[in-house]
Amino acid sequence: MPSLLVILTGATRWTQKDGSQRPTGFWSEEFVEPHKAFTAAGVELTVVTPGGRPAVVDELSLTAQANGGDEAKVAELRSYLDGVRDLLAHPGRLEDADPAAYDGVFIPGGHGPMQDLAVNEDVARVLETLLPDPSKVVASLCHGQAAFLAAGDADGQWLFKGRRMTSFTDEEETQTGLAANAPWLLATRLTAAGADFVPAAAWSSHVIVDGNLVTGQNPASAAEAAQAVLKELTDRAGAAAA
């Protein structure tokens, strides 16, 4: 049975360019859809946050406006989160996680990762252990890729330099109305760091698989990204057993 370390943000505020604090957290769909798919497939999941702080959902992600006006979808998201309330309230400590014990890592988004995971040494430690190992899978969604910015290799180079990936785009950030006051834009930072950044049309489901790296562009990519992760886990387990 494959195992995944799920790293959620522990941030509840995102510091803006003007110094104001915007409420944030993880984005509901980006946790719910993959968690549902992984659980159904029998993947062993360990959820952690920096310091073991409670993982808080970004309430904006549970509005009809953020879900295409679909009230039924919002109700389903809330119901699922209610069913894993204890898990989110009492996650493990990222600092205690041994990345070698897992077949991969999965990092959902929301703006929270831009606040804490982008500068977290333990996220870096996990990524630096797993990404160079072709038998492991590294996966992230939307703003979760902010966590990649923390990781370097033994020579001090960015670990993800030259890797094909996607993330929430500057165009999407602008359309949300948040780009102007954001301290920095994720797609711009990833590209500047050396990523081979591959965007798609705003708000479309878009997943990039580059070797053992799986990235999804936005919340709409959550289900597709989860299936890509499951395929990579299966393929790599089969290769290891051959």
Protein backbone atom coordinates (compact mmCIF):
# COMPACT_ATOMS: atom_id res chain seq x y z
CA MET A 1 0.00 0.00 0.00
CA PRO A 2 1.57 3.33 -1.04
CA SER A 3 1.96 6.16 1.46
CA LEU A 4 1.91 9.93 1.05
CA LEU A 5 2.97 12.74 3.30
CA VAL A 6 0.41 15.55 2.94
CA ILE A 7 1.82 18.95 3.92
CA LEU A 8 -0.78 21.61 4.66
CA THR A 9 -0.14 25.23 5.49
CA GLY A 10 -0.45 26.28 9.10
CA ALA A 11 -0.86 29.94 8.15
CA THR A 12 -4.14 31.75 8.76
CA ARG A 13 -2.96 35.19 7.55
CA TRP A 14 -1.16 36.29 4.39
CA THR A 15 0.92 39.45 4.75
CA GLN A 16 0.13 41.87 1.95
CA LYS A 17 2.40 44.39 0.22
CA ASP A 18 0.88 47.22 2.26
CA GLY A 19 1.42 45.32 5.53
CA SER A 20 -2.21 44.33 6.01
CA GLN A 21 -3.07 40.75 6.99
CA ARG A 22 -5.45 38.90 4.69
CA PRO A 23 -7.25 35.83 6.11
CA THR A 24 -6.08 32.67 4.38
CA GLY A 25 -5.44 28.96 4.90
CA PHE A 26 -5.63 25.94 2.59
CA TRP A 27 -8.04 25.88 -0.36
CA SER A 28 -10.85 23.43 0.31
CA GLU A 29 -11.15 21.75 -3.11
CA GLU A 30 -7.40 21.27 -3.36
CA PHE A 31 -7.43 19.21 -0.19
CA VAL A 32 -10.83 17.53 -0.45
CA GLU A 33 -10.67 16.13 -3.99
CA PRO A 34 -7.20 14.57 -3.66
CA HIS A 35 -7.84 13.35 -0.10
CA LYS A 36 -11.02 11.66 -1.31
CA ALA A 37 -9.26 10.05 -4.29
CA PHE A 38 -6.23 8.91 -2.31
CA THR A 39 -8.35 7.45 0.47
CA ALA A 40 -10.55 5.58 -2.01
CA ALA A 41 -7.41 4.13 -3.63
CA GLY A 42 -6.11 2.87 -0.28
CA VAL A 43 -3.18 5.25 0.01
CA GLU A 44 -1.92 5.72 3.57
CA LEU A 45 -2.01 9.44 4.31
CA THR A 46 -0.16 11.37 6.99
CA VAL A 47 -1.22 15.01 7.30
CA VAL A 48 1.29 17.45 8.81
CA THR A 49 1.69 21.21 9.23
CA PRO A 50 4.57 23.36 10.44
CA GLY A 51 4.61 23.04 14.21
CA GLY A 52 1.58 20.73 14.11
CA ARG A 53 -0.64 23.82 14.02
CA PRO A 54 -4.31 23.24 13.10
CA ALA A 55 -4.90 23.35 9.35
CA VAL A 56 -7.48 26.07 8.71
CA VAL A 57 -9.53 26.26 5.53
CA ASP A 58 -9.67 29.54 3.64
CA GLU A 59 -13.34 30.45 4.05
CA LEU A 60 -13.30 32.14 0.65
CA SER A 61 -12.91 28.67 -0.87
CA LEU A 62 -16.24 27.69 0.66
CA THR A 63 -18.26 30.45 -0.99
CA ALA A 64 -20.52 29.94 -3.97
CA GLN A 65 -18.67 32.72 -5.79
CA ALA A 66 -15.42 30.76 -5.63
CA ASN A 67 -17.15 27.60 -6.85
CA GLY A 68 -18.92 28.78 -9.96
CA GLY A 69 -22.12 29.56 -8.07
CA ASP A 70 -22.55 25.87 -7.21
CA GLU A 71 -24.14 25.75 -3.75
CA ALA A 72 -24.35 21.95 -3.85
CA LYS A 73 -20.60 21.72 -4.40
CA VAL A 74 -19.99 24.05 -1.45
CA ALA A 75 -22.22 21.88 0.74
CA GLU A 76 -20.27 18.77 -0.31
CA LEU A 77 -16.94 20.43 0.47
CA ARG A 78 -18.16 21.55 3.90
CA SER A 79 -19.53 18.10 4.65
CA TYR A 80 -16.26 16.40 3.71
CA LEU A 81 -14.20 18.81 5.79
CA ASP A 82 -16.53 18.27 8.72
CA GLY A 83 -15.87 14.53 8.42
CA VAL A 84 -12.11 15.05 8.79
CA ARG A 85 -12.39 17.83 11.38
CA ASP A 86 -10.25 16.03 13.96
CA LEU A 87 -7.53 15.27 11.41
CA LEU A 88 -7.28 18.93 10.45
CA ALA A 89 -7.42 20.13 14.06
CA HIS A 90 -4.64 17.78 15.18
CA PRO A 91 -2.19 17.20 12.31
CA GLY A 92 1.28 15.83 12.83
CA ARG A 93 4.35 18.04 13.07
CA LEU A 94 6.17 18.59 9.80
CA GLU A 95 9.38 18.84 11.82
CA ASP A 96 8.97 15.20 12.93
CA ALA A 97 8.27 13.76 9.47
CA ASP A 98 10.81 11.34 8.00
CA PRO A 99 10.43 11.78 4.22
CA ALA A 100 12.24 8.51 3.54
CA ALA A 101 9.31 6.68 5.15
CA TYR A 102 6.91 7.78 2.39
CA ASP A 103 6.42 7.05 -1.29
CA GLY A 104 5.78 10.71 -1.98
CA VAL A 105 4.61 14.09 -0.81
CA PHE A 106 1.52 16.09 -1.75
CA ILE A 107 1.14 19.83 -1.05
CA PRO A 108 -2.28 21.48 -1.56
CA GLY A 109 -2.53 25.21 -2.14
CA GLY A 110 -4.41 28.23 -0.96
CA HIS A 111 -2.45 31.42 -0.29
CA GLY A 112 -1.26 30.05 3.06
CA PRO A 113 1.80 28.28 1.59
CA MET A 114 3.07 31.63 0.30
CA GLN A 115 3.24 32.77 3.92
CA ASP A 116 4.83 29.77 5.65
CA LEU A 117 5.84 26.90 3.36
CA ALA A 118 7.82 29.10 0.96
CA VAL A 119 10.39 29.74 3.68
CA ASN A 120 10.21 26.51 5.67
CA GLU A 121 13.40 24.52 6.23
CA ASP A 122 11.53 21.28 6.91
CA VAL A 123 9.61 21.51 3.65
CA ALA A 124 12.98 21.95 2.00
CA ARG A 125 14.29 18.86 3.81
CA VAL A 126 11.37 16.75 2.58
CA LEU A 127 11.67 17.94 -1.01
CA GLU A 128 15.45 17.56 -1.06
CA THR A 129 15.04 13.94 0.03
CA LEU A 130 12.22 12.94 -2.30
CA LEU A 131 12.66 14.80 -5.60
CA PRO A 132 16.10 13.37 -6.48
CA ASP A 133 14.78 9.82 -5.89
CA PRO A 134 13.03 8.59 -9.06
CA SER A 135 11.12 5.99 -7.04
CA LYS A 136 9.33 8.78 -5.12
CA VAL A 137 6.62 11.25 -6.19
CA VAL A 138 6.53 14.99 -5.47
CA ALA A 139 3.18 16.64 -6.15
CA SER A 140 1.63 20.02 -5.50
CA LEU A 141 -1.37 22.13 -6.45
CA CYS A 142 -1.90 25.80 -7.26
CA HIS A 143 -0.12 27.94 -4.62
CA GLY A 144 1.31 24.83 -2.96
CA GLN A 145 4.24 25.16 -5.36
CA ALA A 146 5.38 28.10 -3.23
CA ALA A 147 6.89 25.38 -1.04
CA PHE A 148 9.31 24.56 -3.86
CA LEU A 149 11.03 27.91 -3.41
CA ALA A 150 12.53 26.77 -0.11
CA ALA A 151 14.49 23.85 -1.58
CA GLY A 152 18.07 23.75 -2.85
CA ASP A 153 20.46 21.00 -3.87
CA ALA A 154 23.88 20.14 -2.43
CA ASP A 155 25.52 22.78 -4.64
CA GLY A 156 23.21 25.54 -3.48
CA GLN A 157 21.19 25.57 -6.70
CA TRP A 158 17.40 25.61 -6.70
CA LEU A 159 16.26 21.99 -6.57
CA PHE A 160 13.57 22.47 -9.23
CA LYS A 161 15.66 24.42 -11.76
CA GLY A 162 14.83 23.28 -15.29
CA ARG A 163 11.85 21.13 -14.23
CA ARG A 164 8.59 21.48 -16.15
CA MET A 165 5.76 22.64 -13.91
CA THR A 166 2.71 24.79 -13.59
CA SER A 167 1.02 26.71 -10.77
CA PHE A 168 -1.60 29.38 -10.21
CA THR A 169 -0.78 31.91 -12.90
CA ASP A 170 -0.22 35.65 -12.67
CA GLU A 171 -3.24 36.05 -14.96
CA GLU A 172 -5.42 34.11 -12.53
CA GLU A 173 -4.07 36.07 -9.57
CA THR A 174 -4.88 39.30 -11.39
CA GLN A 175 -8.40 38.11 -12.16
CA THR A 176 -9.00 37.38 -8.48
CA GLY A 177 -8.13 41.00 -7.72
CA LEU A 178 -5.30 39.97 -5.38
CA ALA A 179 -2.25 40.55 -7.57
CA ALA A 180 -1.88 44.28 -6.94
CA ASN A 181 -1.37 43.91 -3.19
CA ALA A 182 0.42 40.55 -3.23
CA PRO A 183 4.00 40.75 -1.92
CA TRP A 184 5.06 38.60 -4.86
CA LEU A 185 3.47 36.49 -7.60
CA LEU A 186 4.09 32.77 -7.59
CA ALA A 187 4.38 32.09 -11.32
CA THR A 188 6.80 34.99 -11.67
CA ARG A 189 8.95 33.71 -8.80
CA LEU A 190 9.02 30.12 -10.09
CA THR A 191 9.98 31.27 -13.58
CA ALA A 192 12.68 33.59 -12.26
CA ALA A 193 14.10 30.77 -10.15
CA GLY A 194 14.53 28.63 -13.27
CA ALA A 195 11.36 26.59 -13.67
CA ASP A 196 10.24 25.56 -17.16
CA PHE A 197 6.84 27.07 -16.47
CA VAL A 198 3.93 25.79 -18.57
CA PRO A 199 0.63 27.63 -18.04
CA ALA A 200 -2.74 26.91 -19.63
CA ALA A 201 -5.91 28.95 -20.04
CA ALA A 202 -7.03 30.61 -16.83
CA TRP A 203 -9.22 28.42 -14.59
CA SER A 204 -8.91 25.34 -16.80
CA SER A 205 -7.82 21.98 -15.41
CA HIS A 206 -4.13 21.68 -16.24
CA VAL A 207 -1.64 19.16 -14.88
CA ILE A 208 2.03 18.76 -15.78
CA VAL A 209 3.90 15.50 -15.14
CA ASP A 210 7.67 15.82 -15.43
CA GLY A 211 9.27 12.58 -14.32
CA ASN A 212 8.40 12.17 -10.66
CA LEU A 213 7.06 15.74 -10.37
CA VAL A 214 3.30 16.38 -10.64
CA THR A 215 1.91 19.90 -10.54
CA GLY A 216 -1.61 21.29 -11.01
CA GLN A 217 -2.43 24.85 -11.98
CA ASN A 218 -5.47 25.73 -9.88
CA PRO A 219 -8.42 24.36 -7.86
CA ALA A 220 -10.06 23.03 -11.04
CA SER A 221 -6.98 20.81 -11.51
CA ALA A 222 -7.38 19.04 -8.15
CA ALA A 223 -9.13 15.87 -9.32
CA GLU A 224 -6.92 15.47 -12.41
CA ALA A 225 -3.78 16.02 -10.36
CA ALA A 226 -4.87 13.39 -7.83
CA GLN A 227 -5.32 10.82 -10.59
CA ALA A 228 -1.90 11.69 -12.02
CA VAL A 229 -0.35 11.15 -8.59
CA LEU A 230 -2.05 7.78 -8.22
CA LYS A 231 -0.76 6.71 -11.64
CA GLU A 232 2.79 7.77 -10.77
CA LEU A 233 2.65 5.92 -7.44
CA THR A 234 1.44 2.76 -9.17
CA ASP A 235 3.95 2.99 -12.02
CA ARG A 236 6.90 3.60 -9.70
CA ALA A 237 5.89 0.82 -7.35
CA GLY A 238 5.69 -1.53 -10.34
CA ALA A 239 9.10 -0.45 -11.60
CA ALA A 240 10.62 -0.99 -8.17
CA ALA A 241 9.13 -4.47 -7.96
CA ALA A 242 10.32 -5.49 -11.45
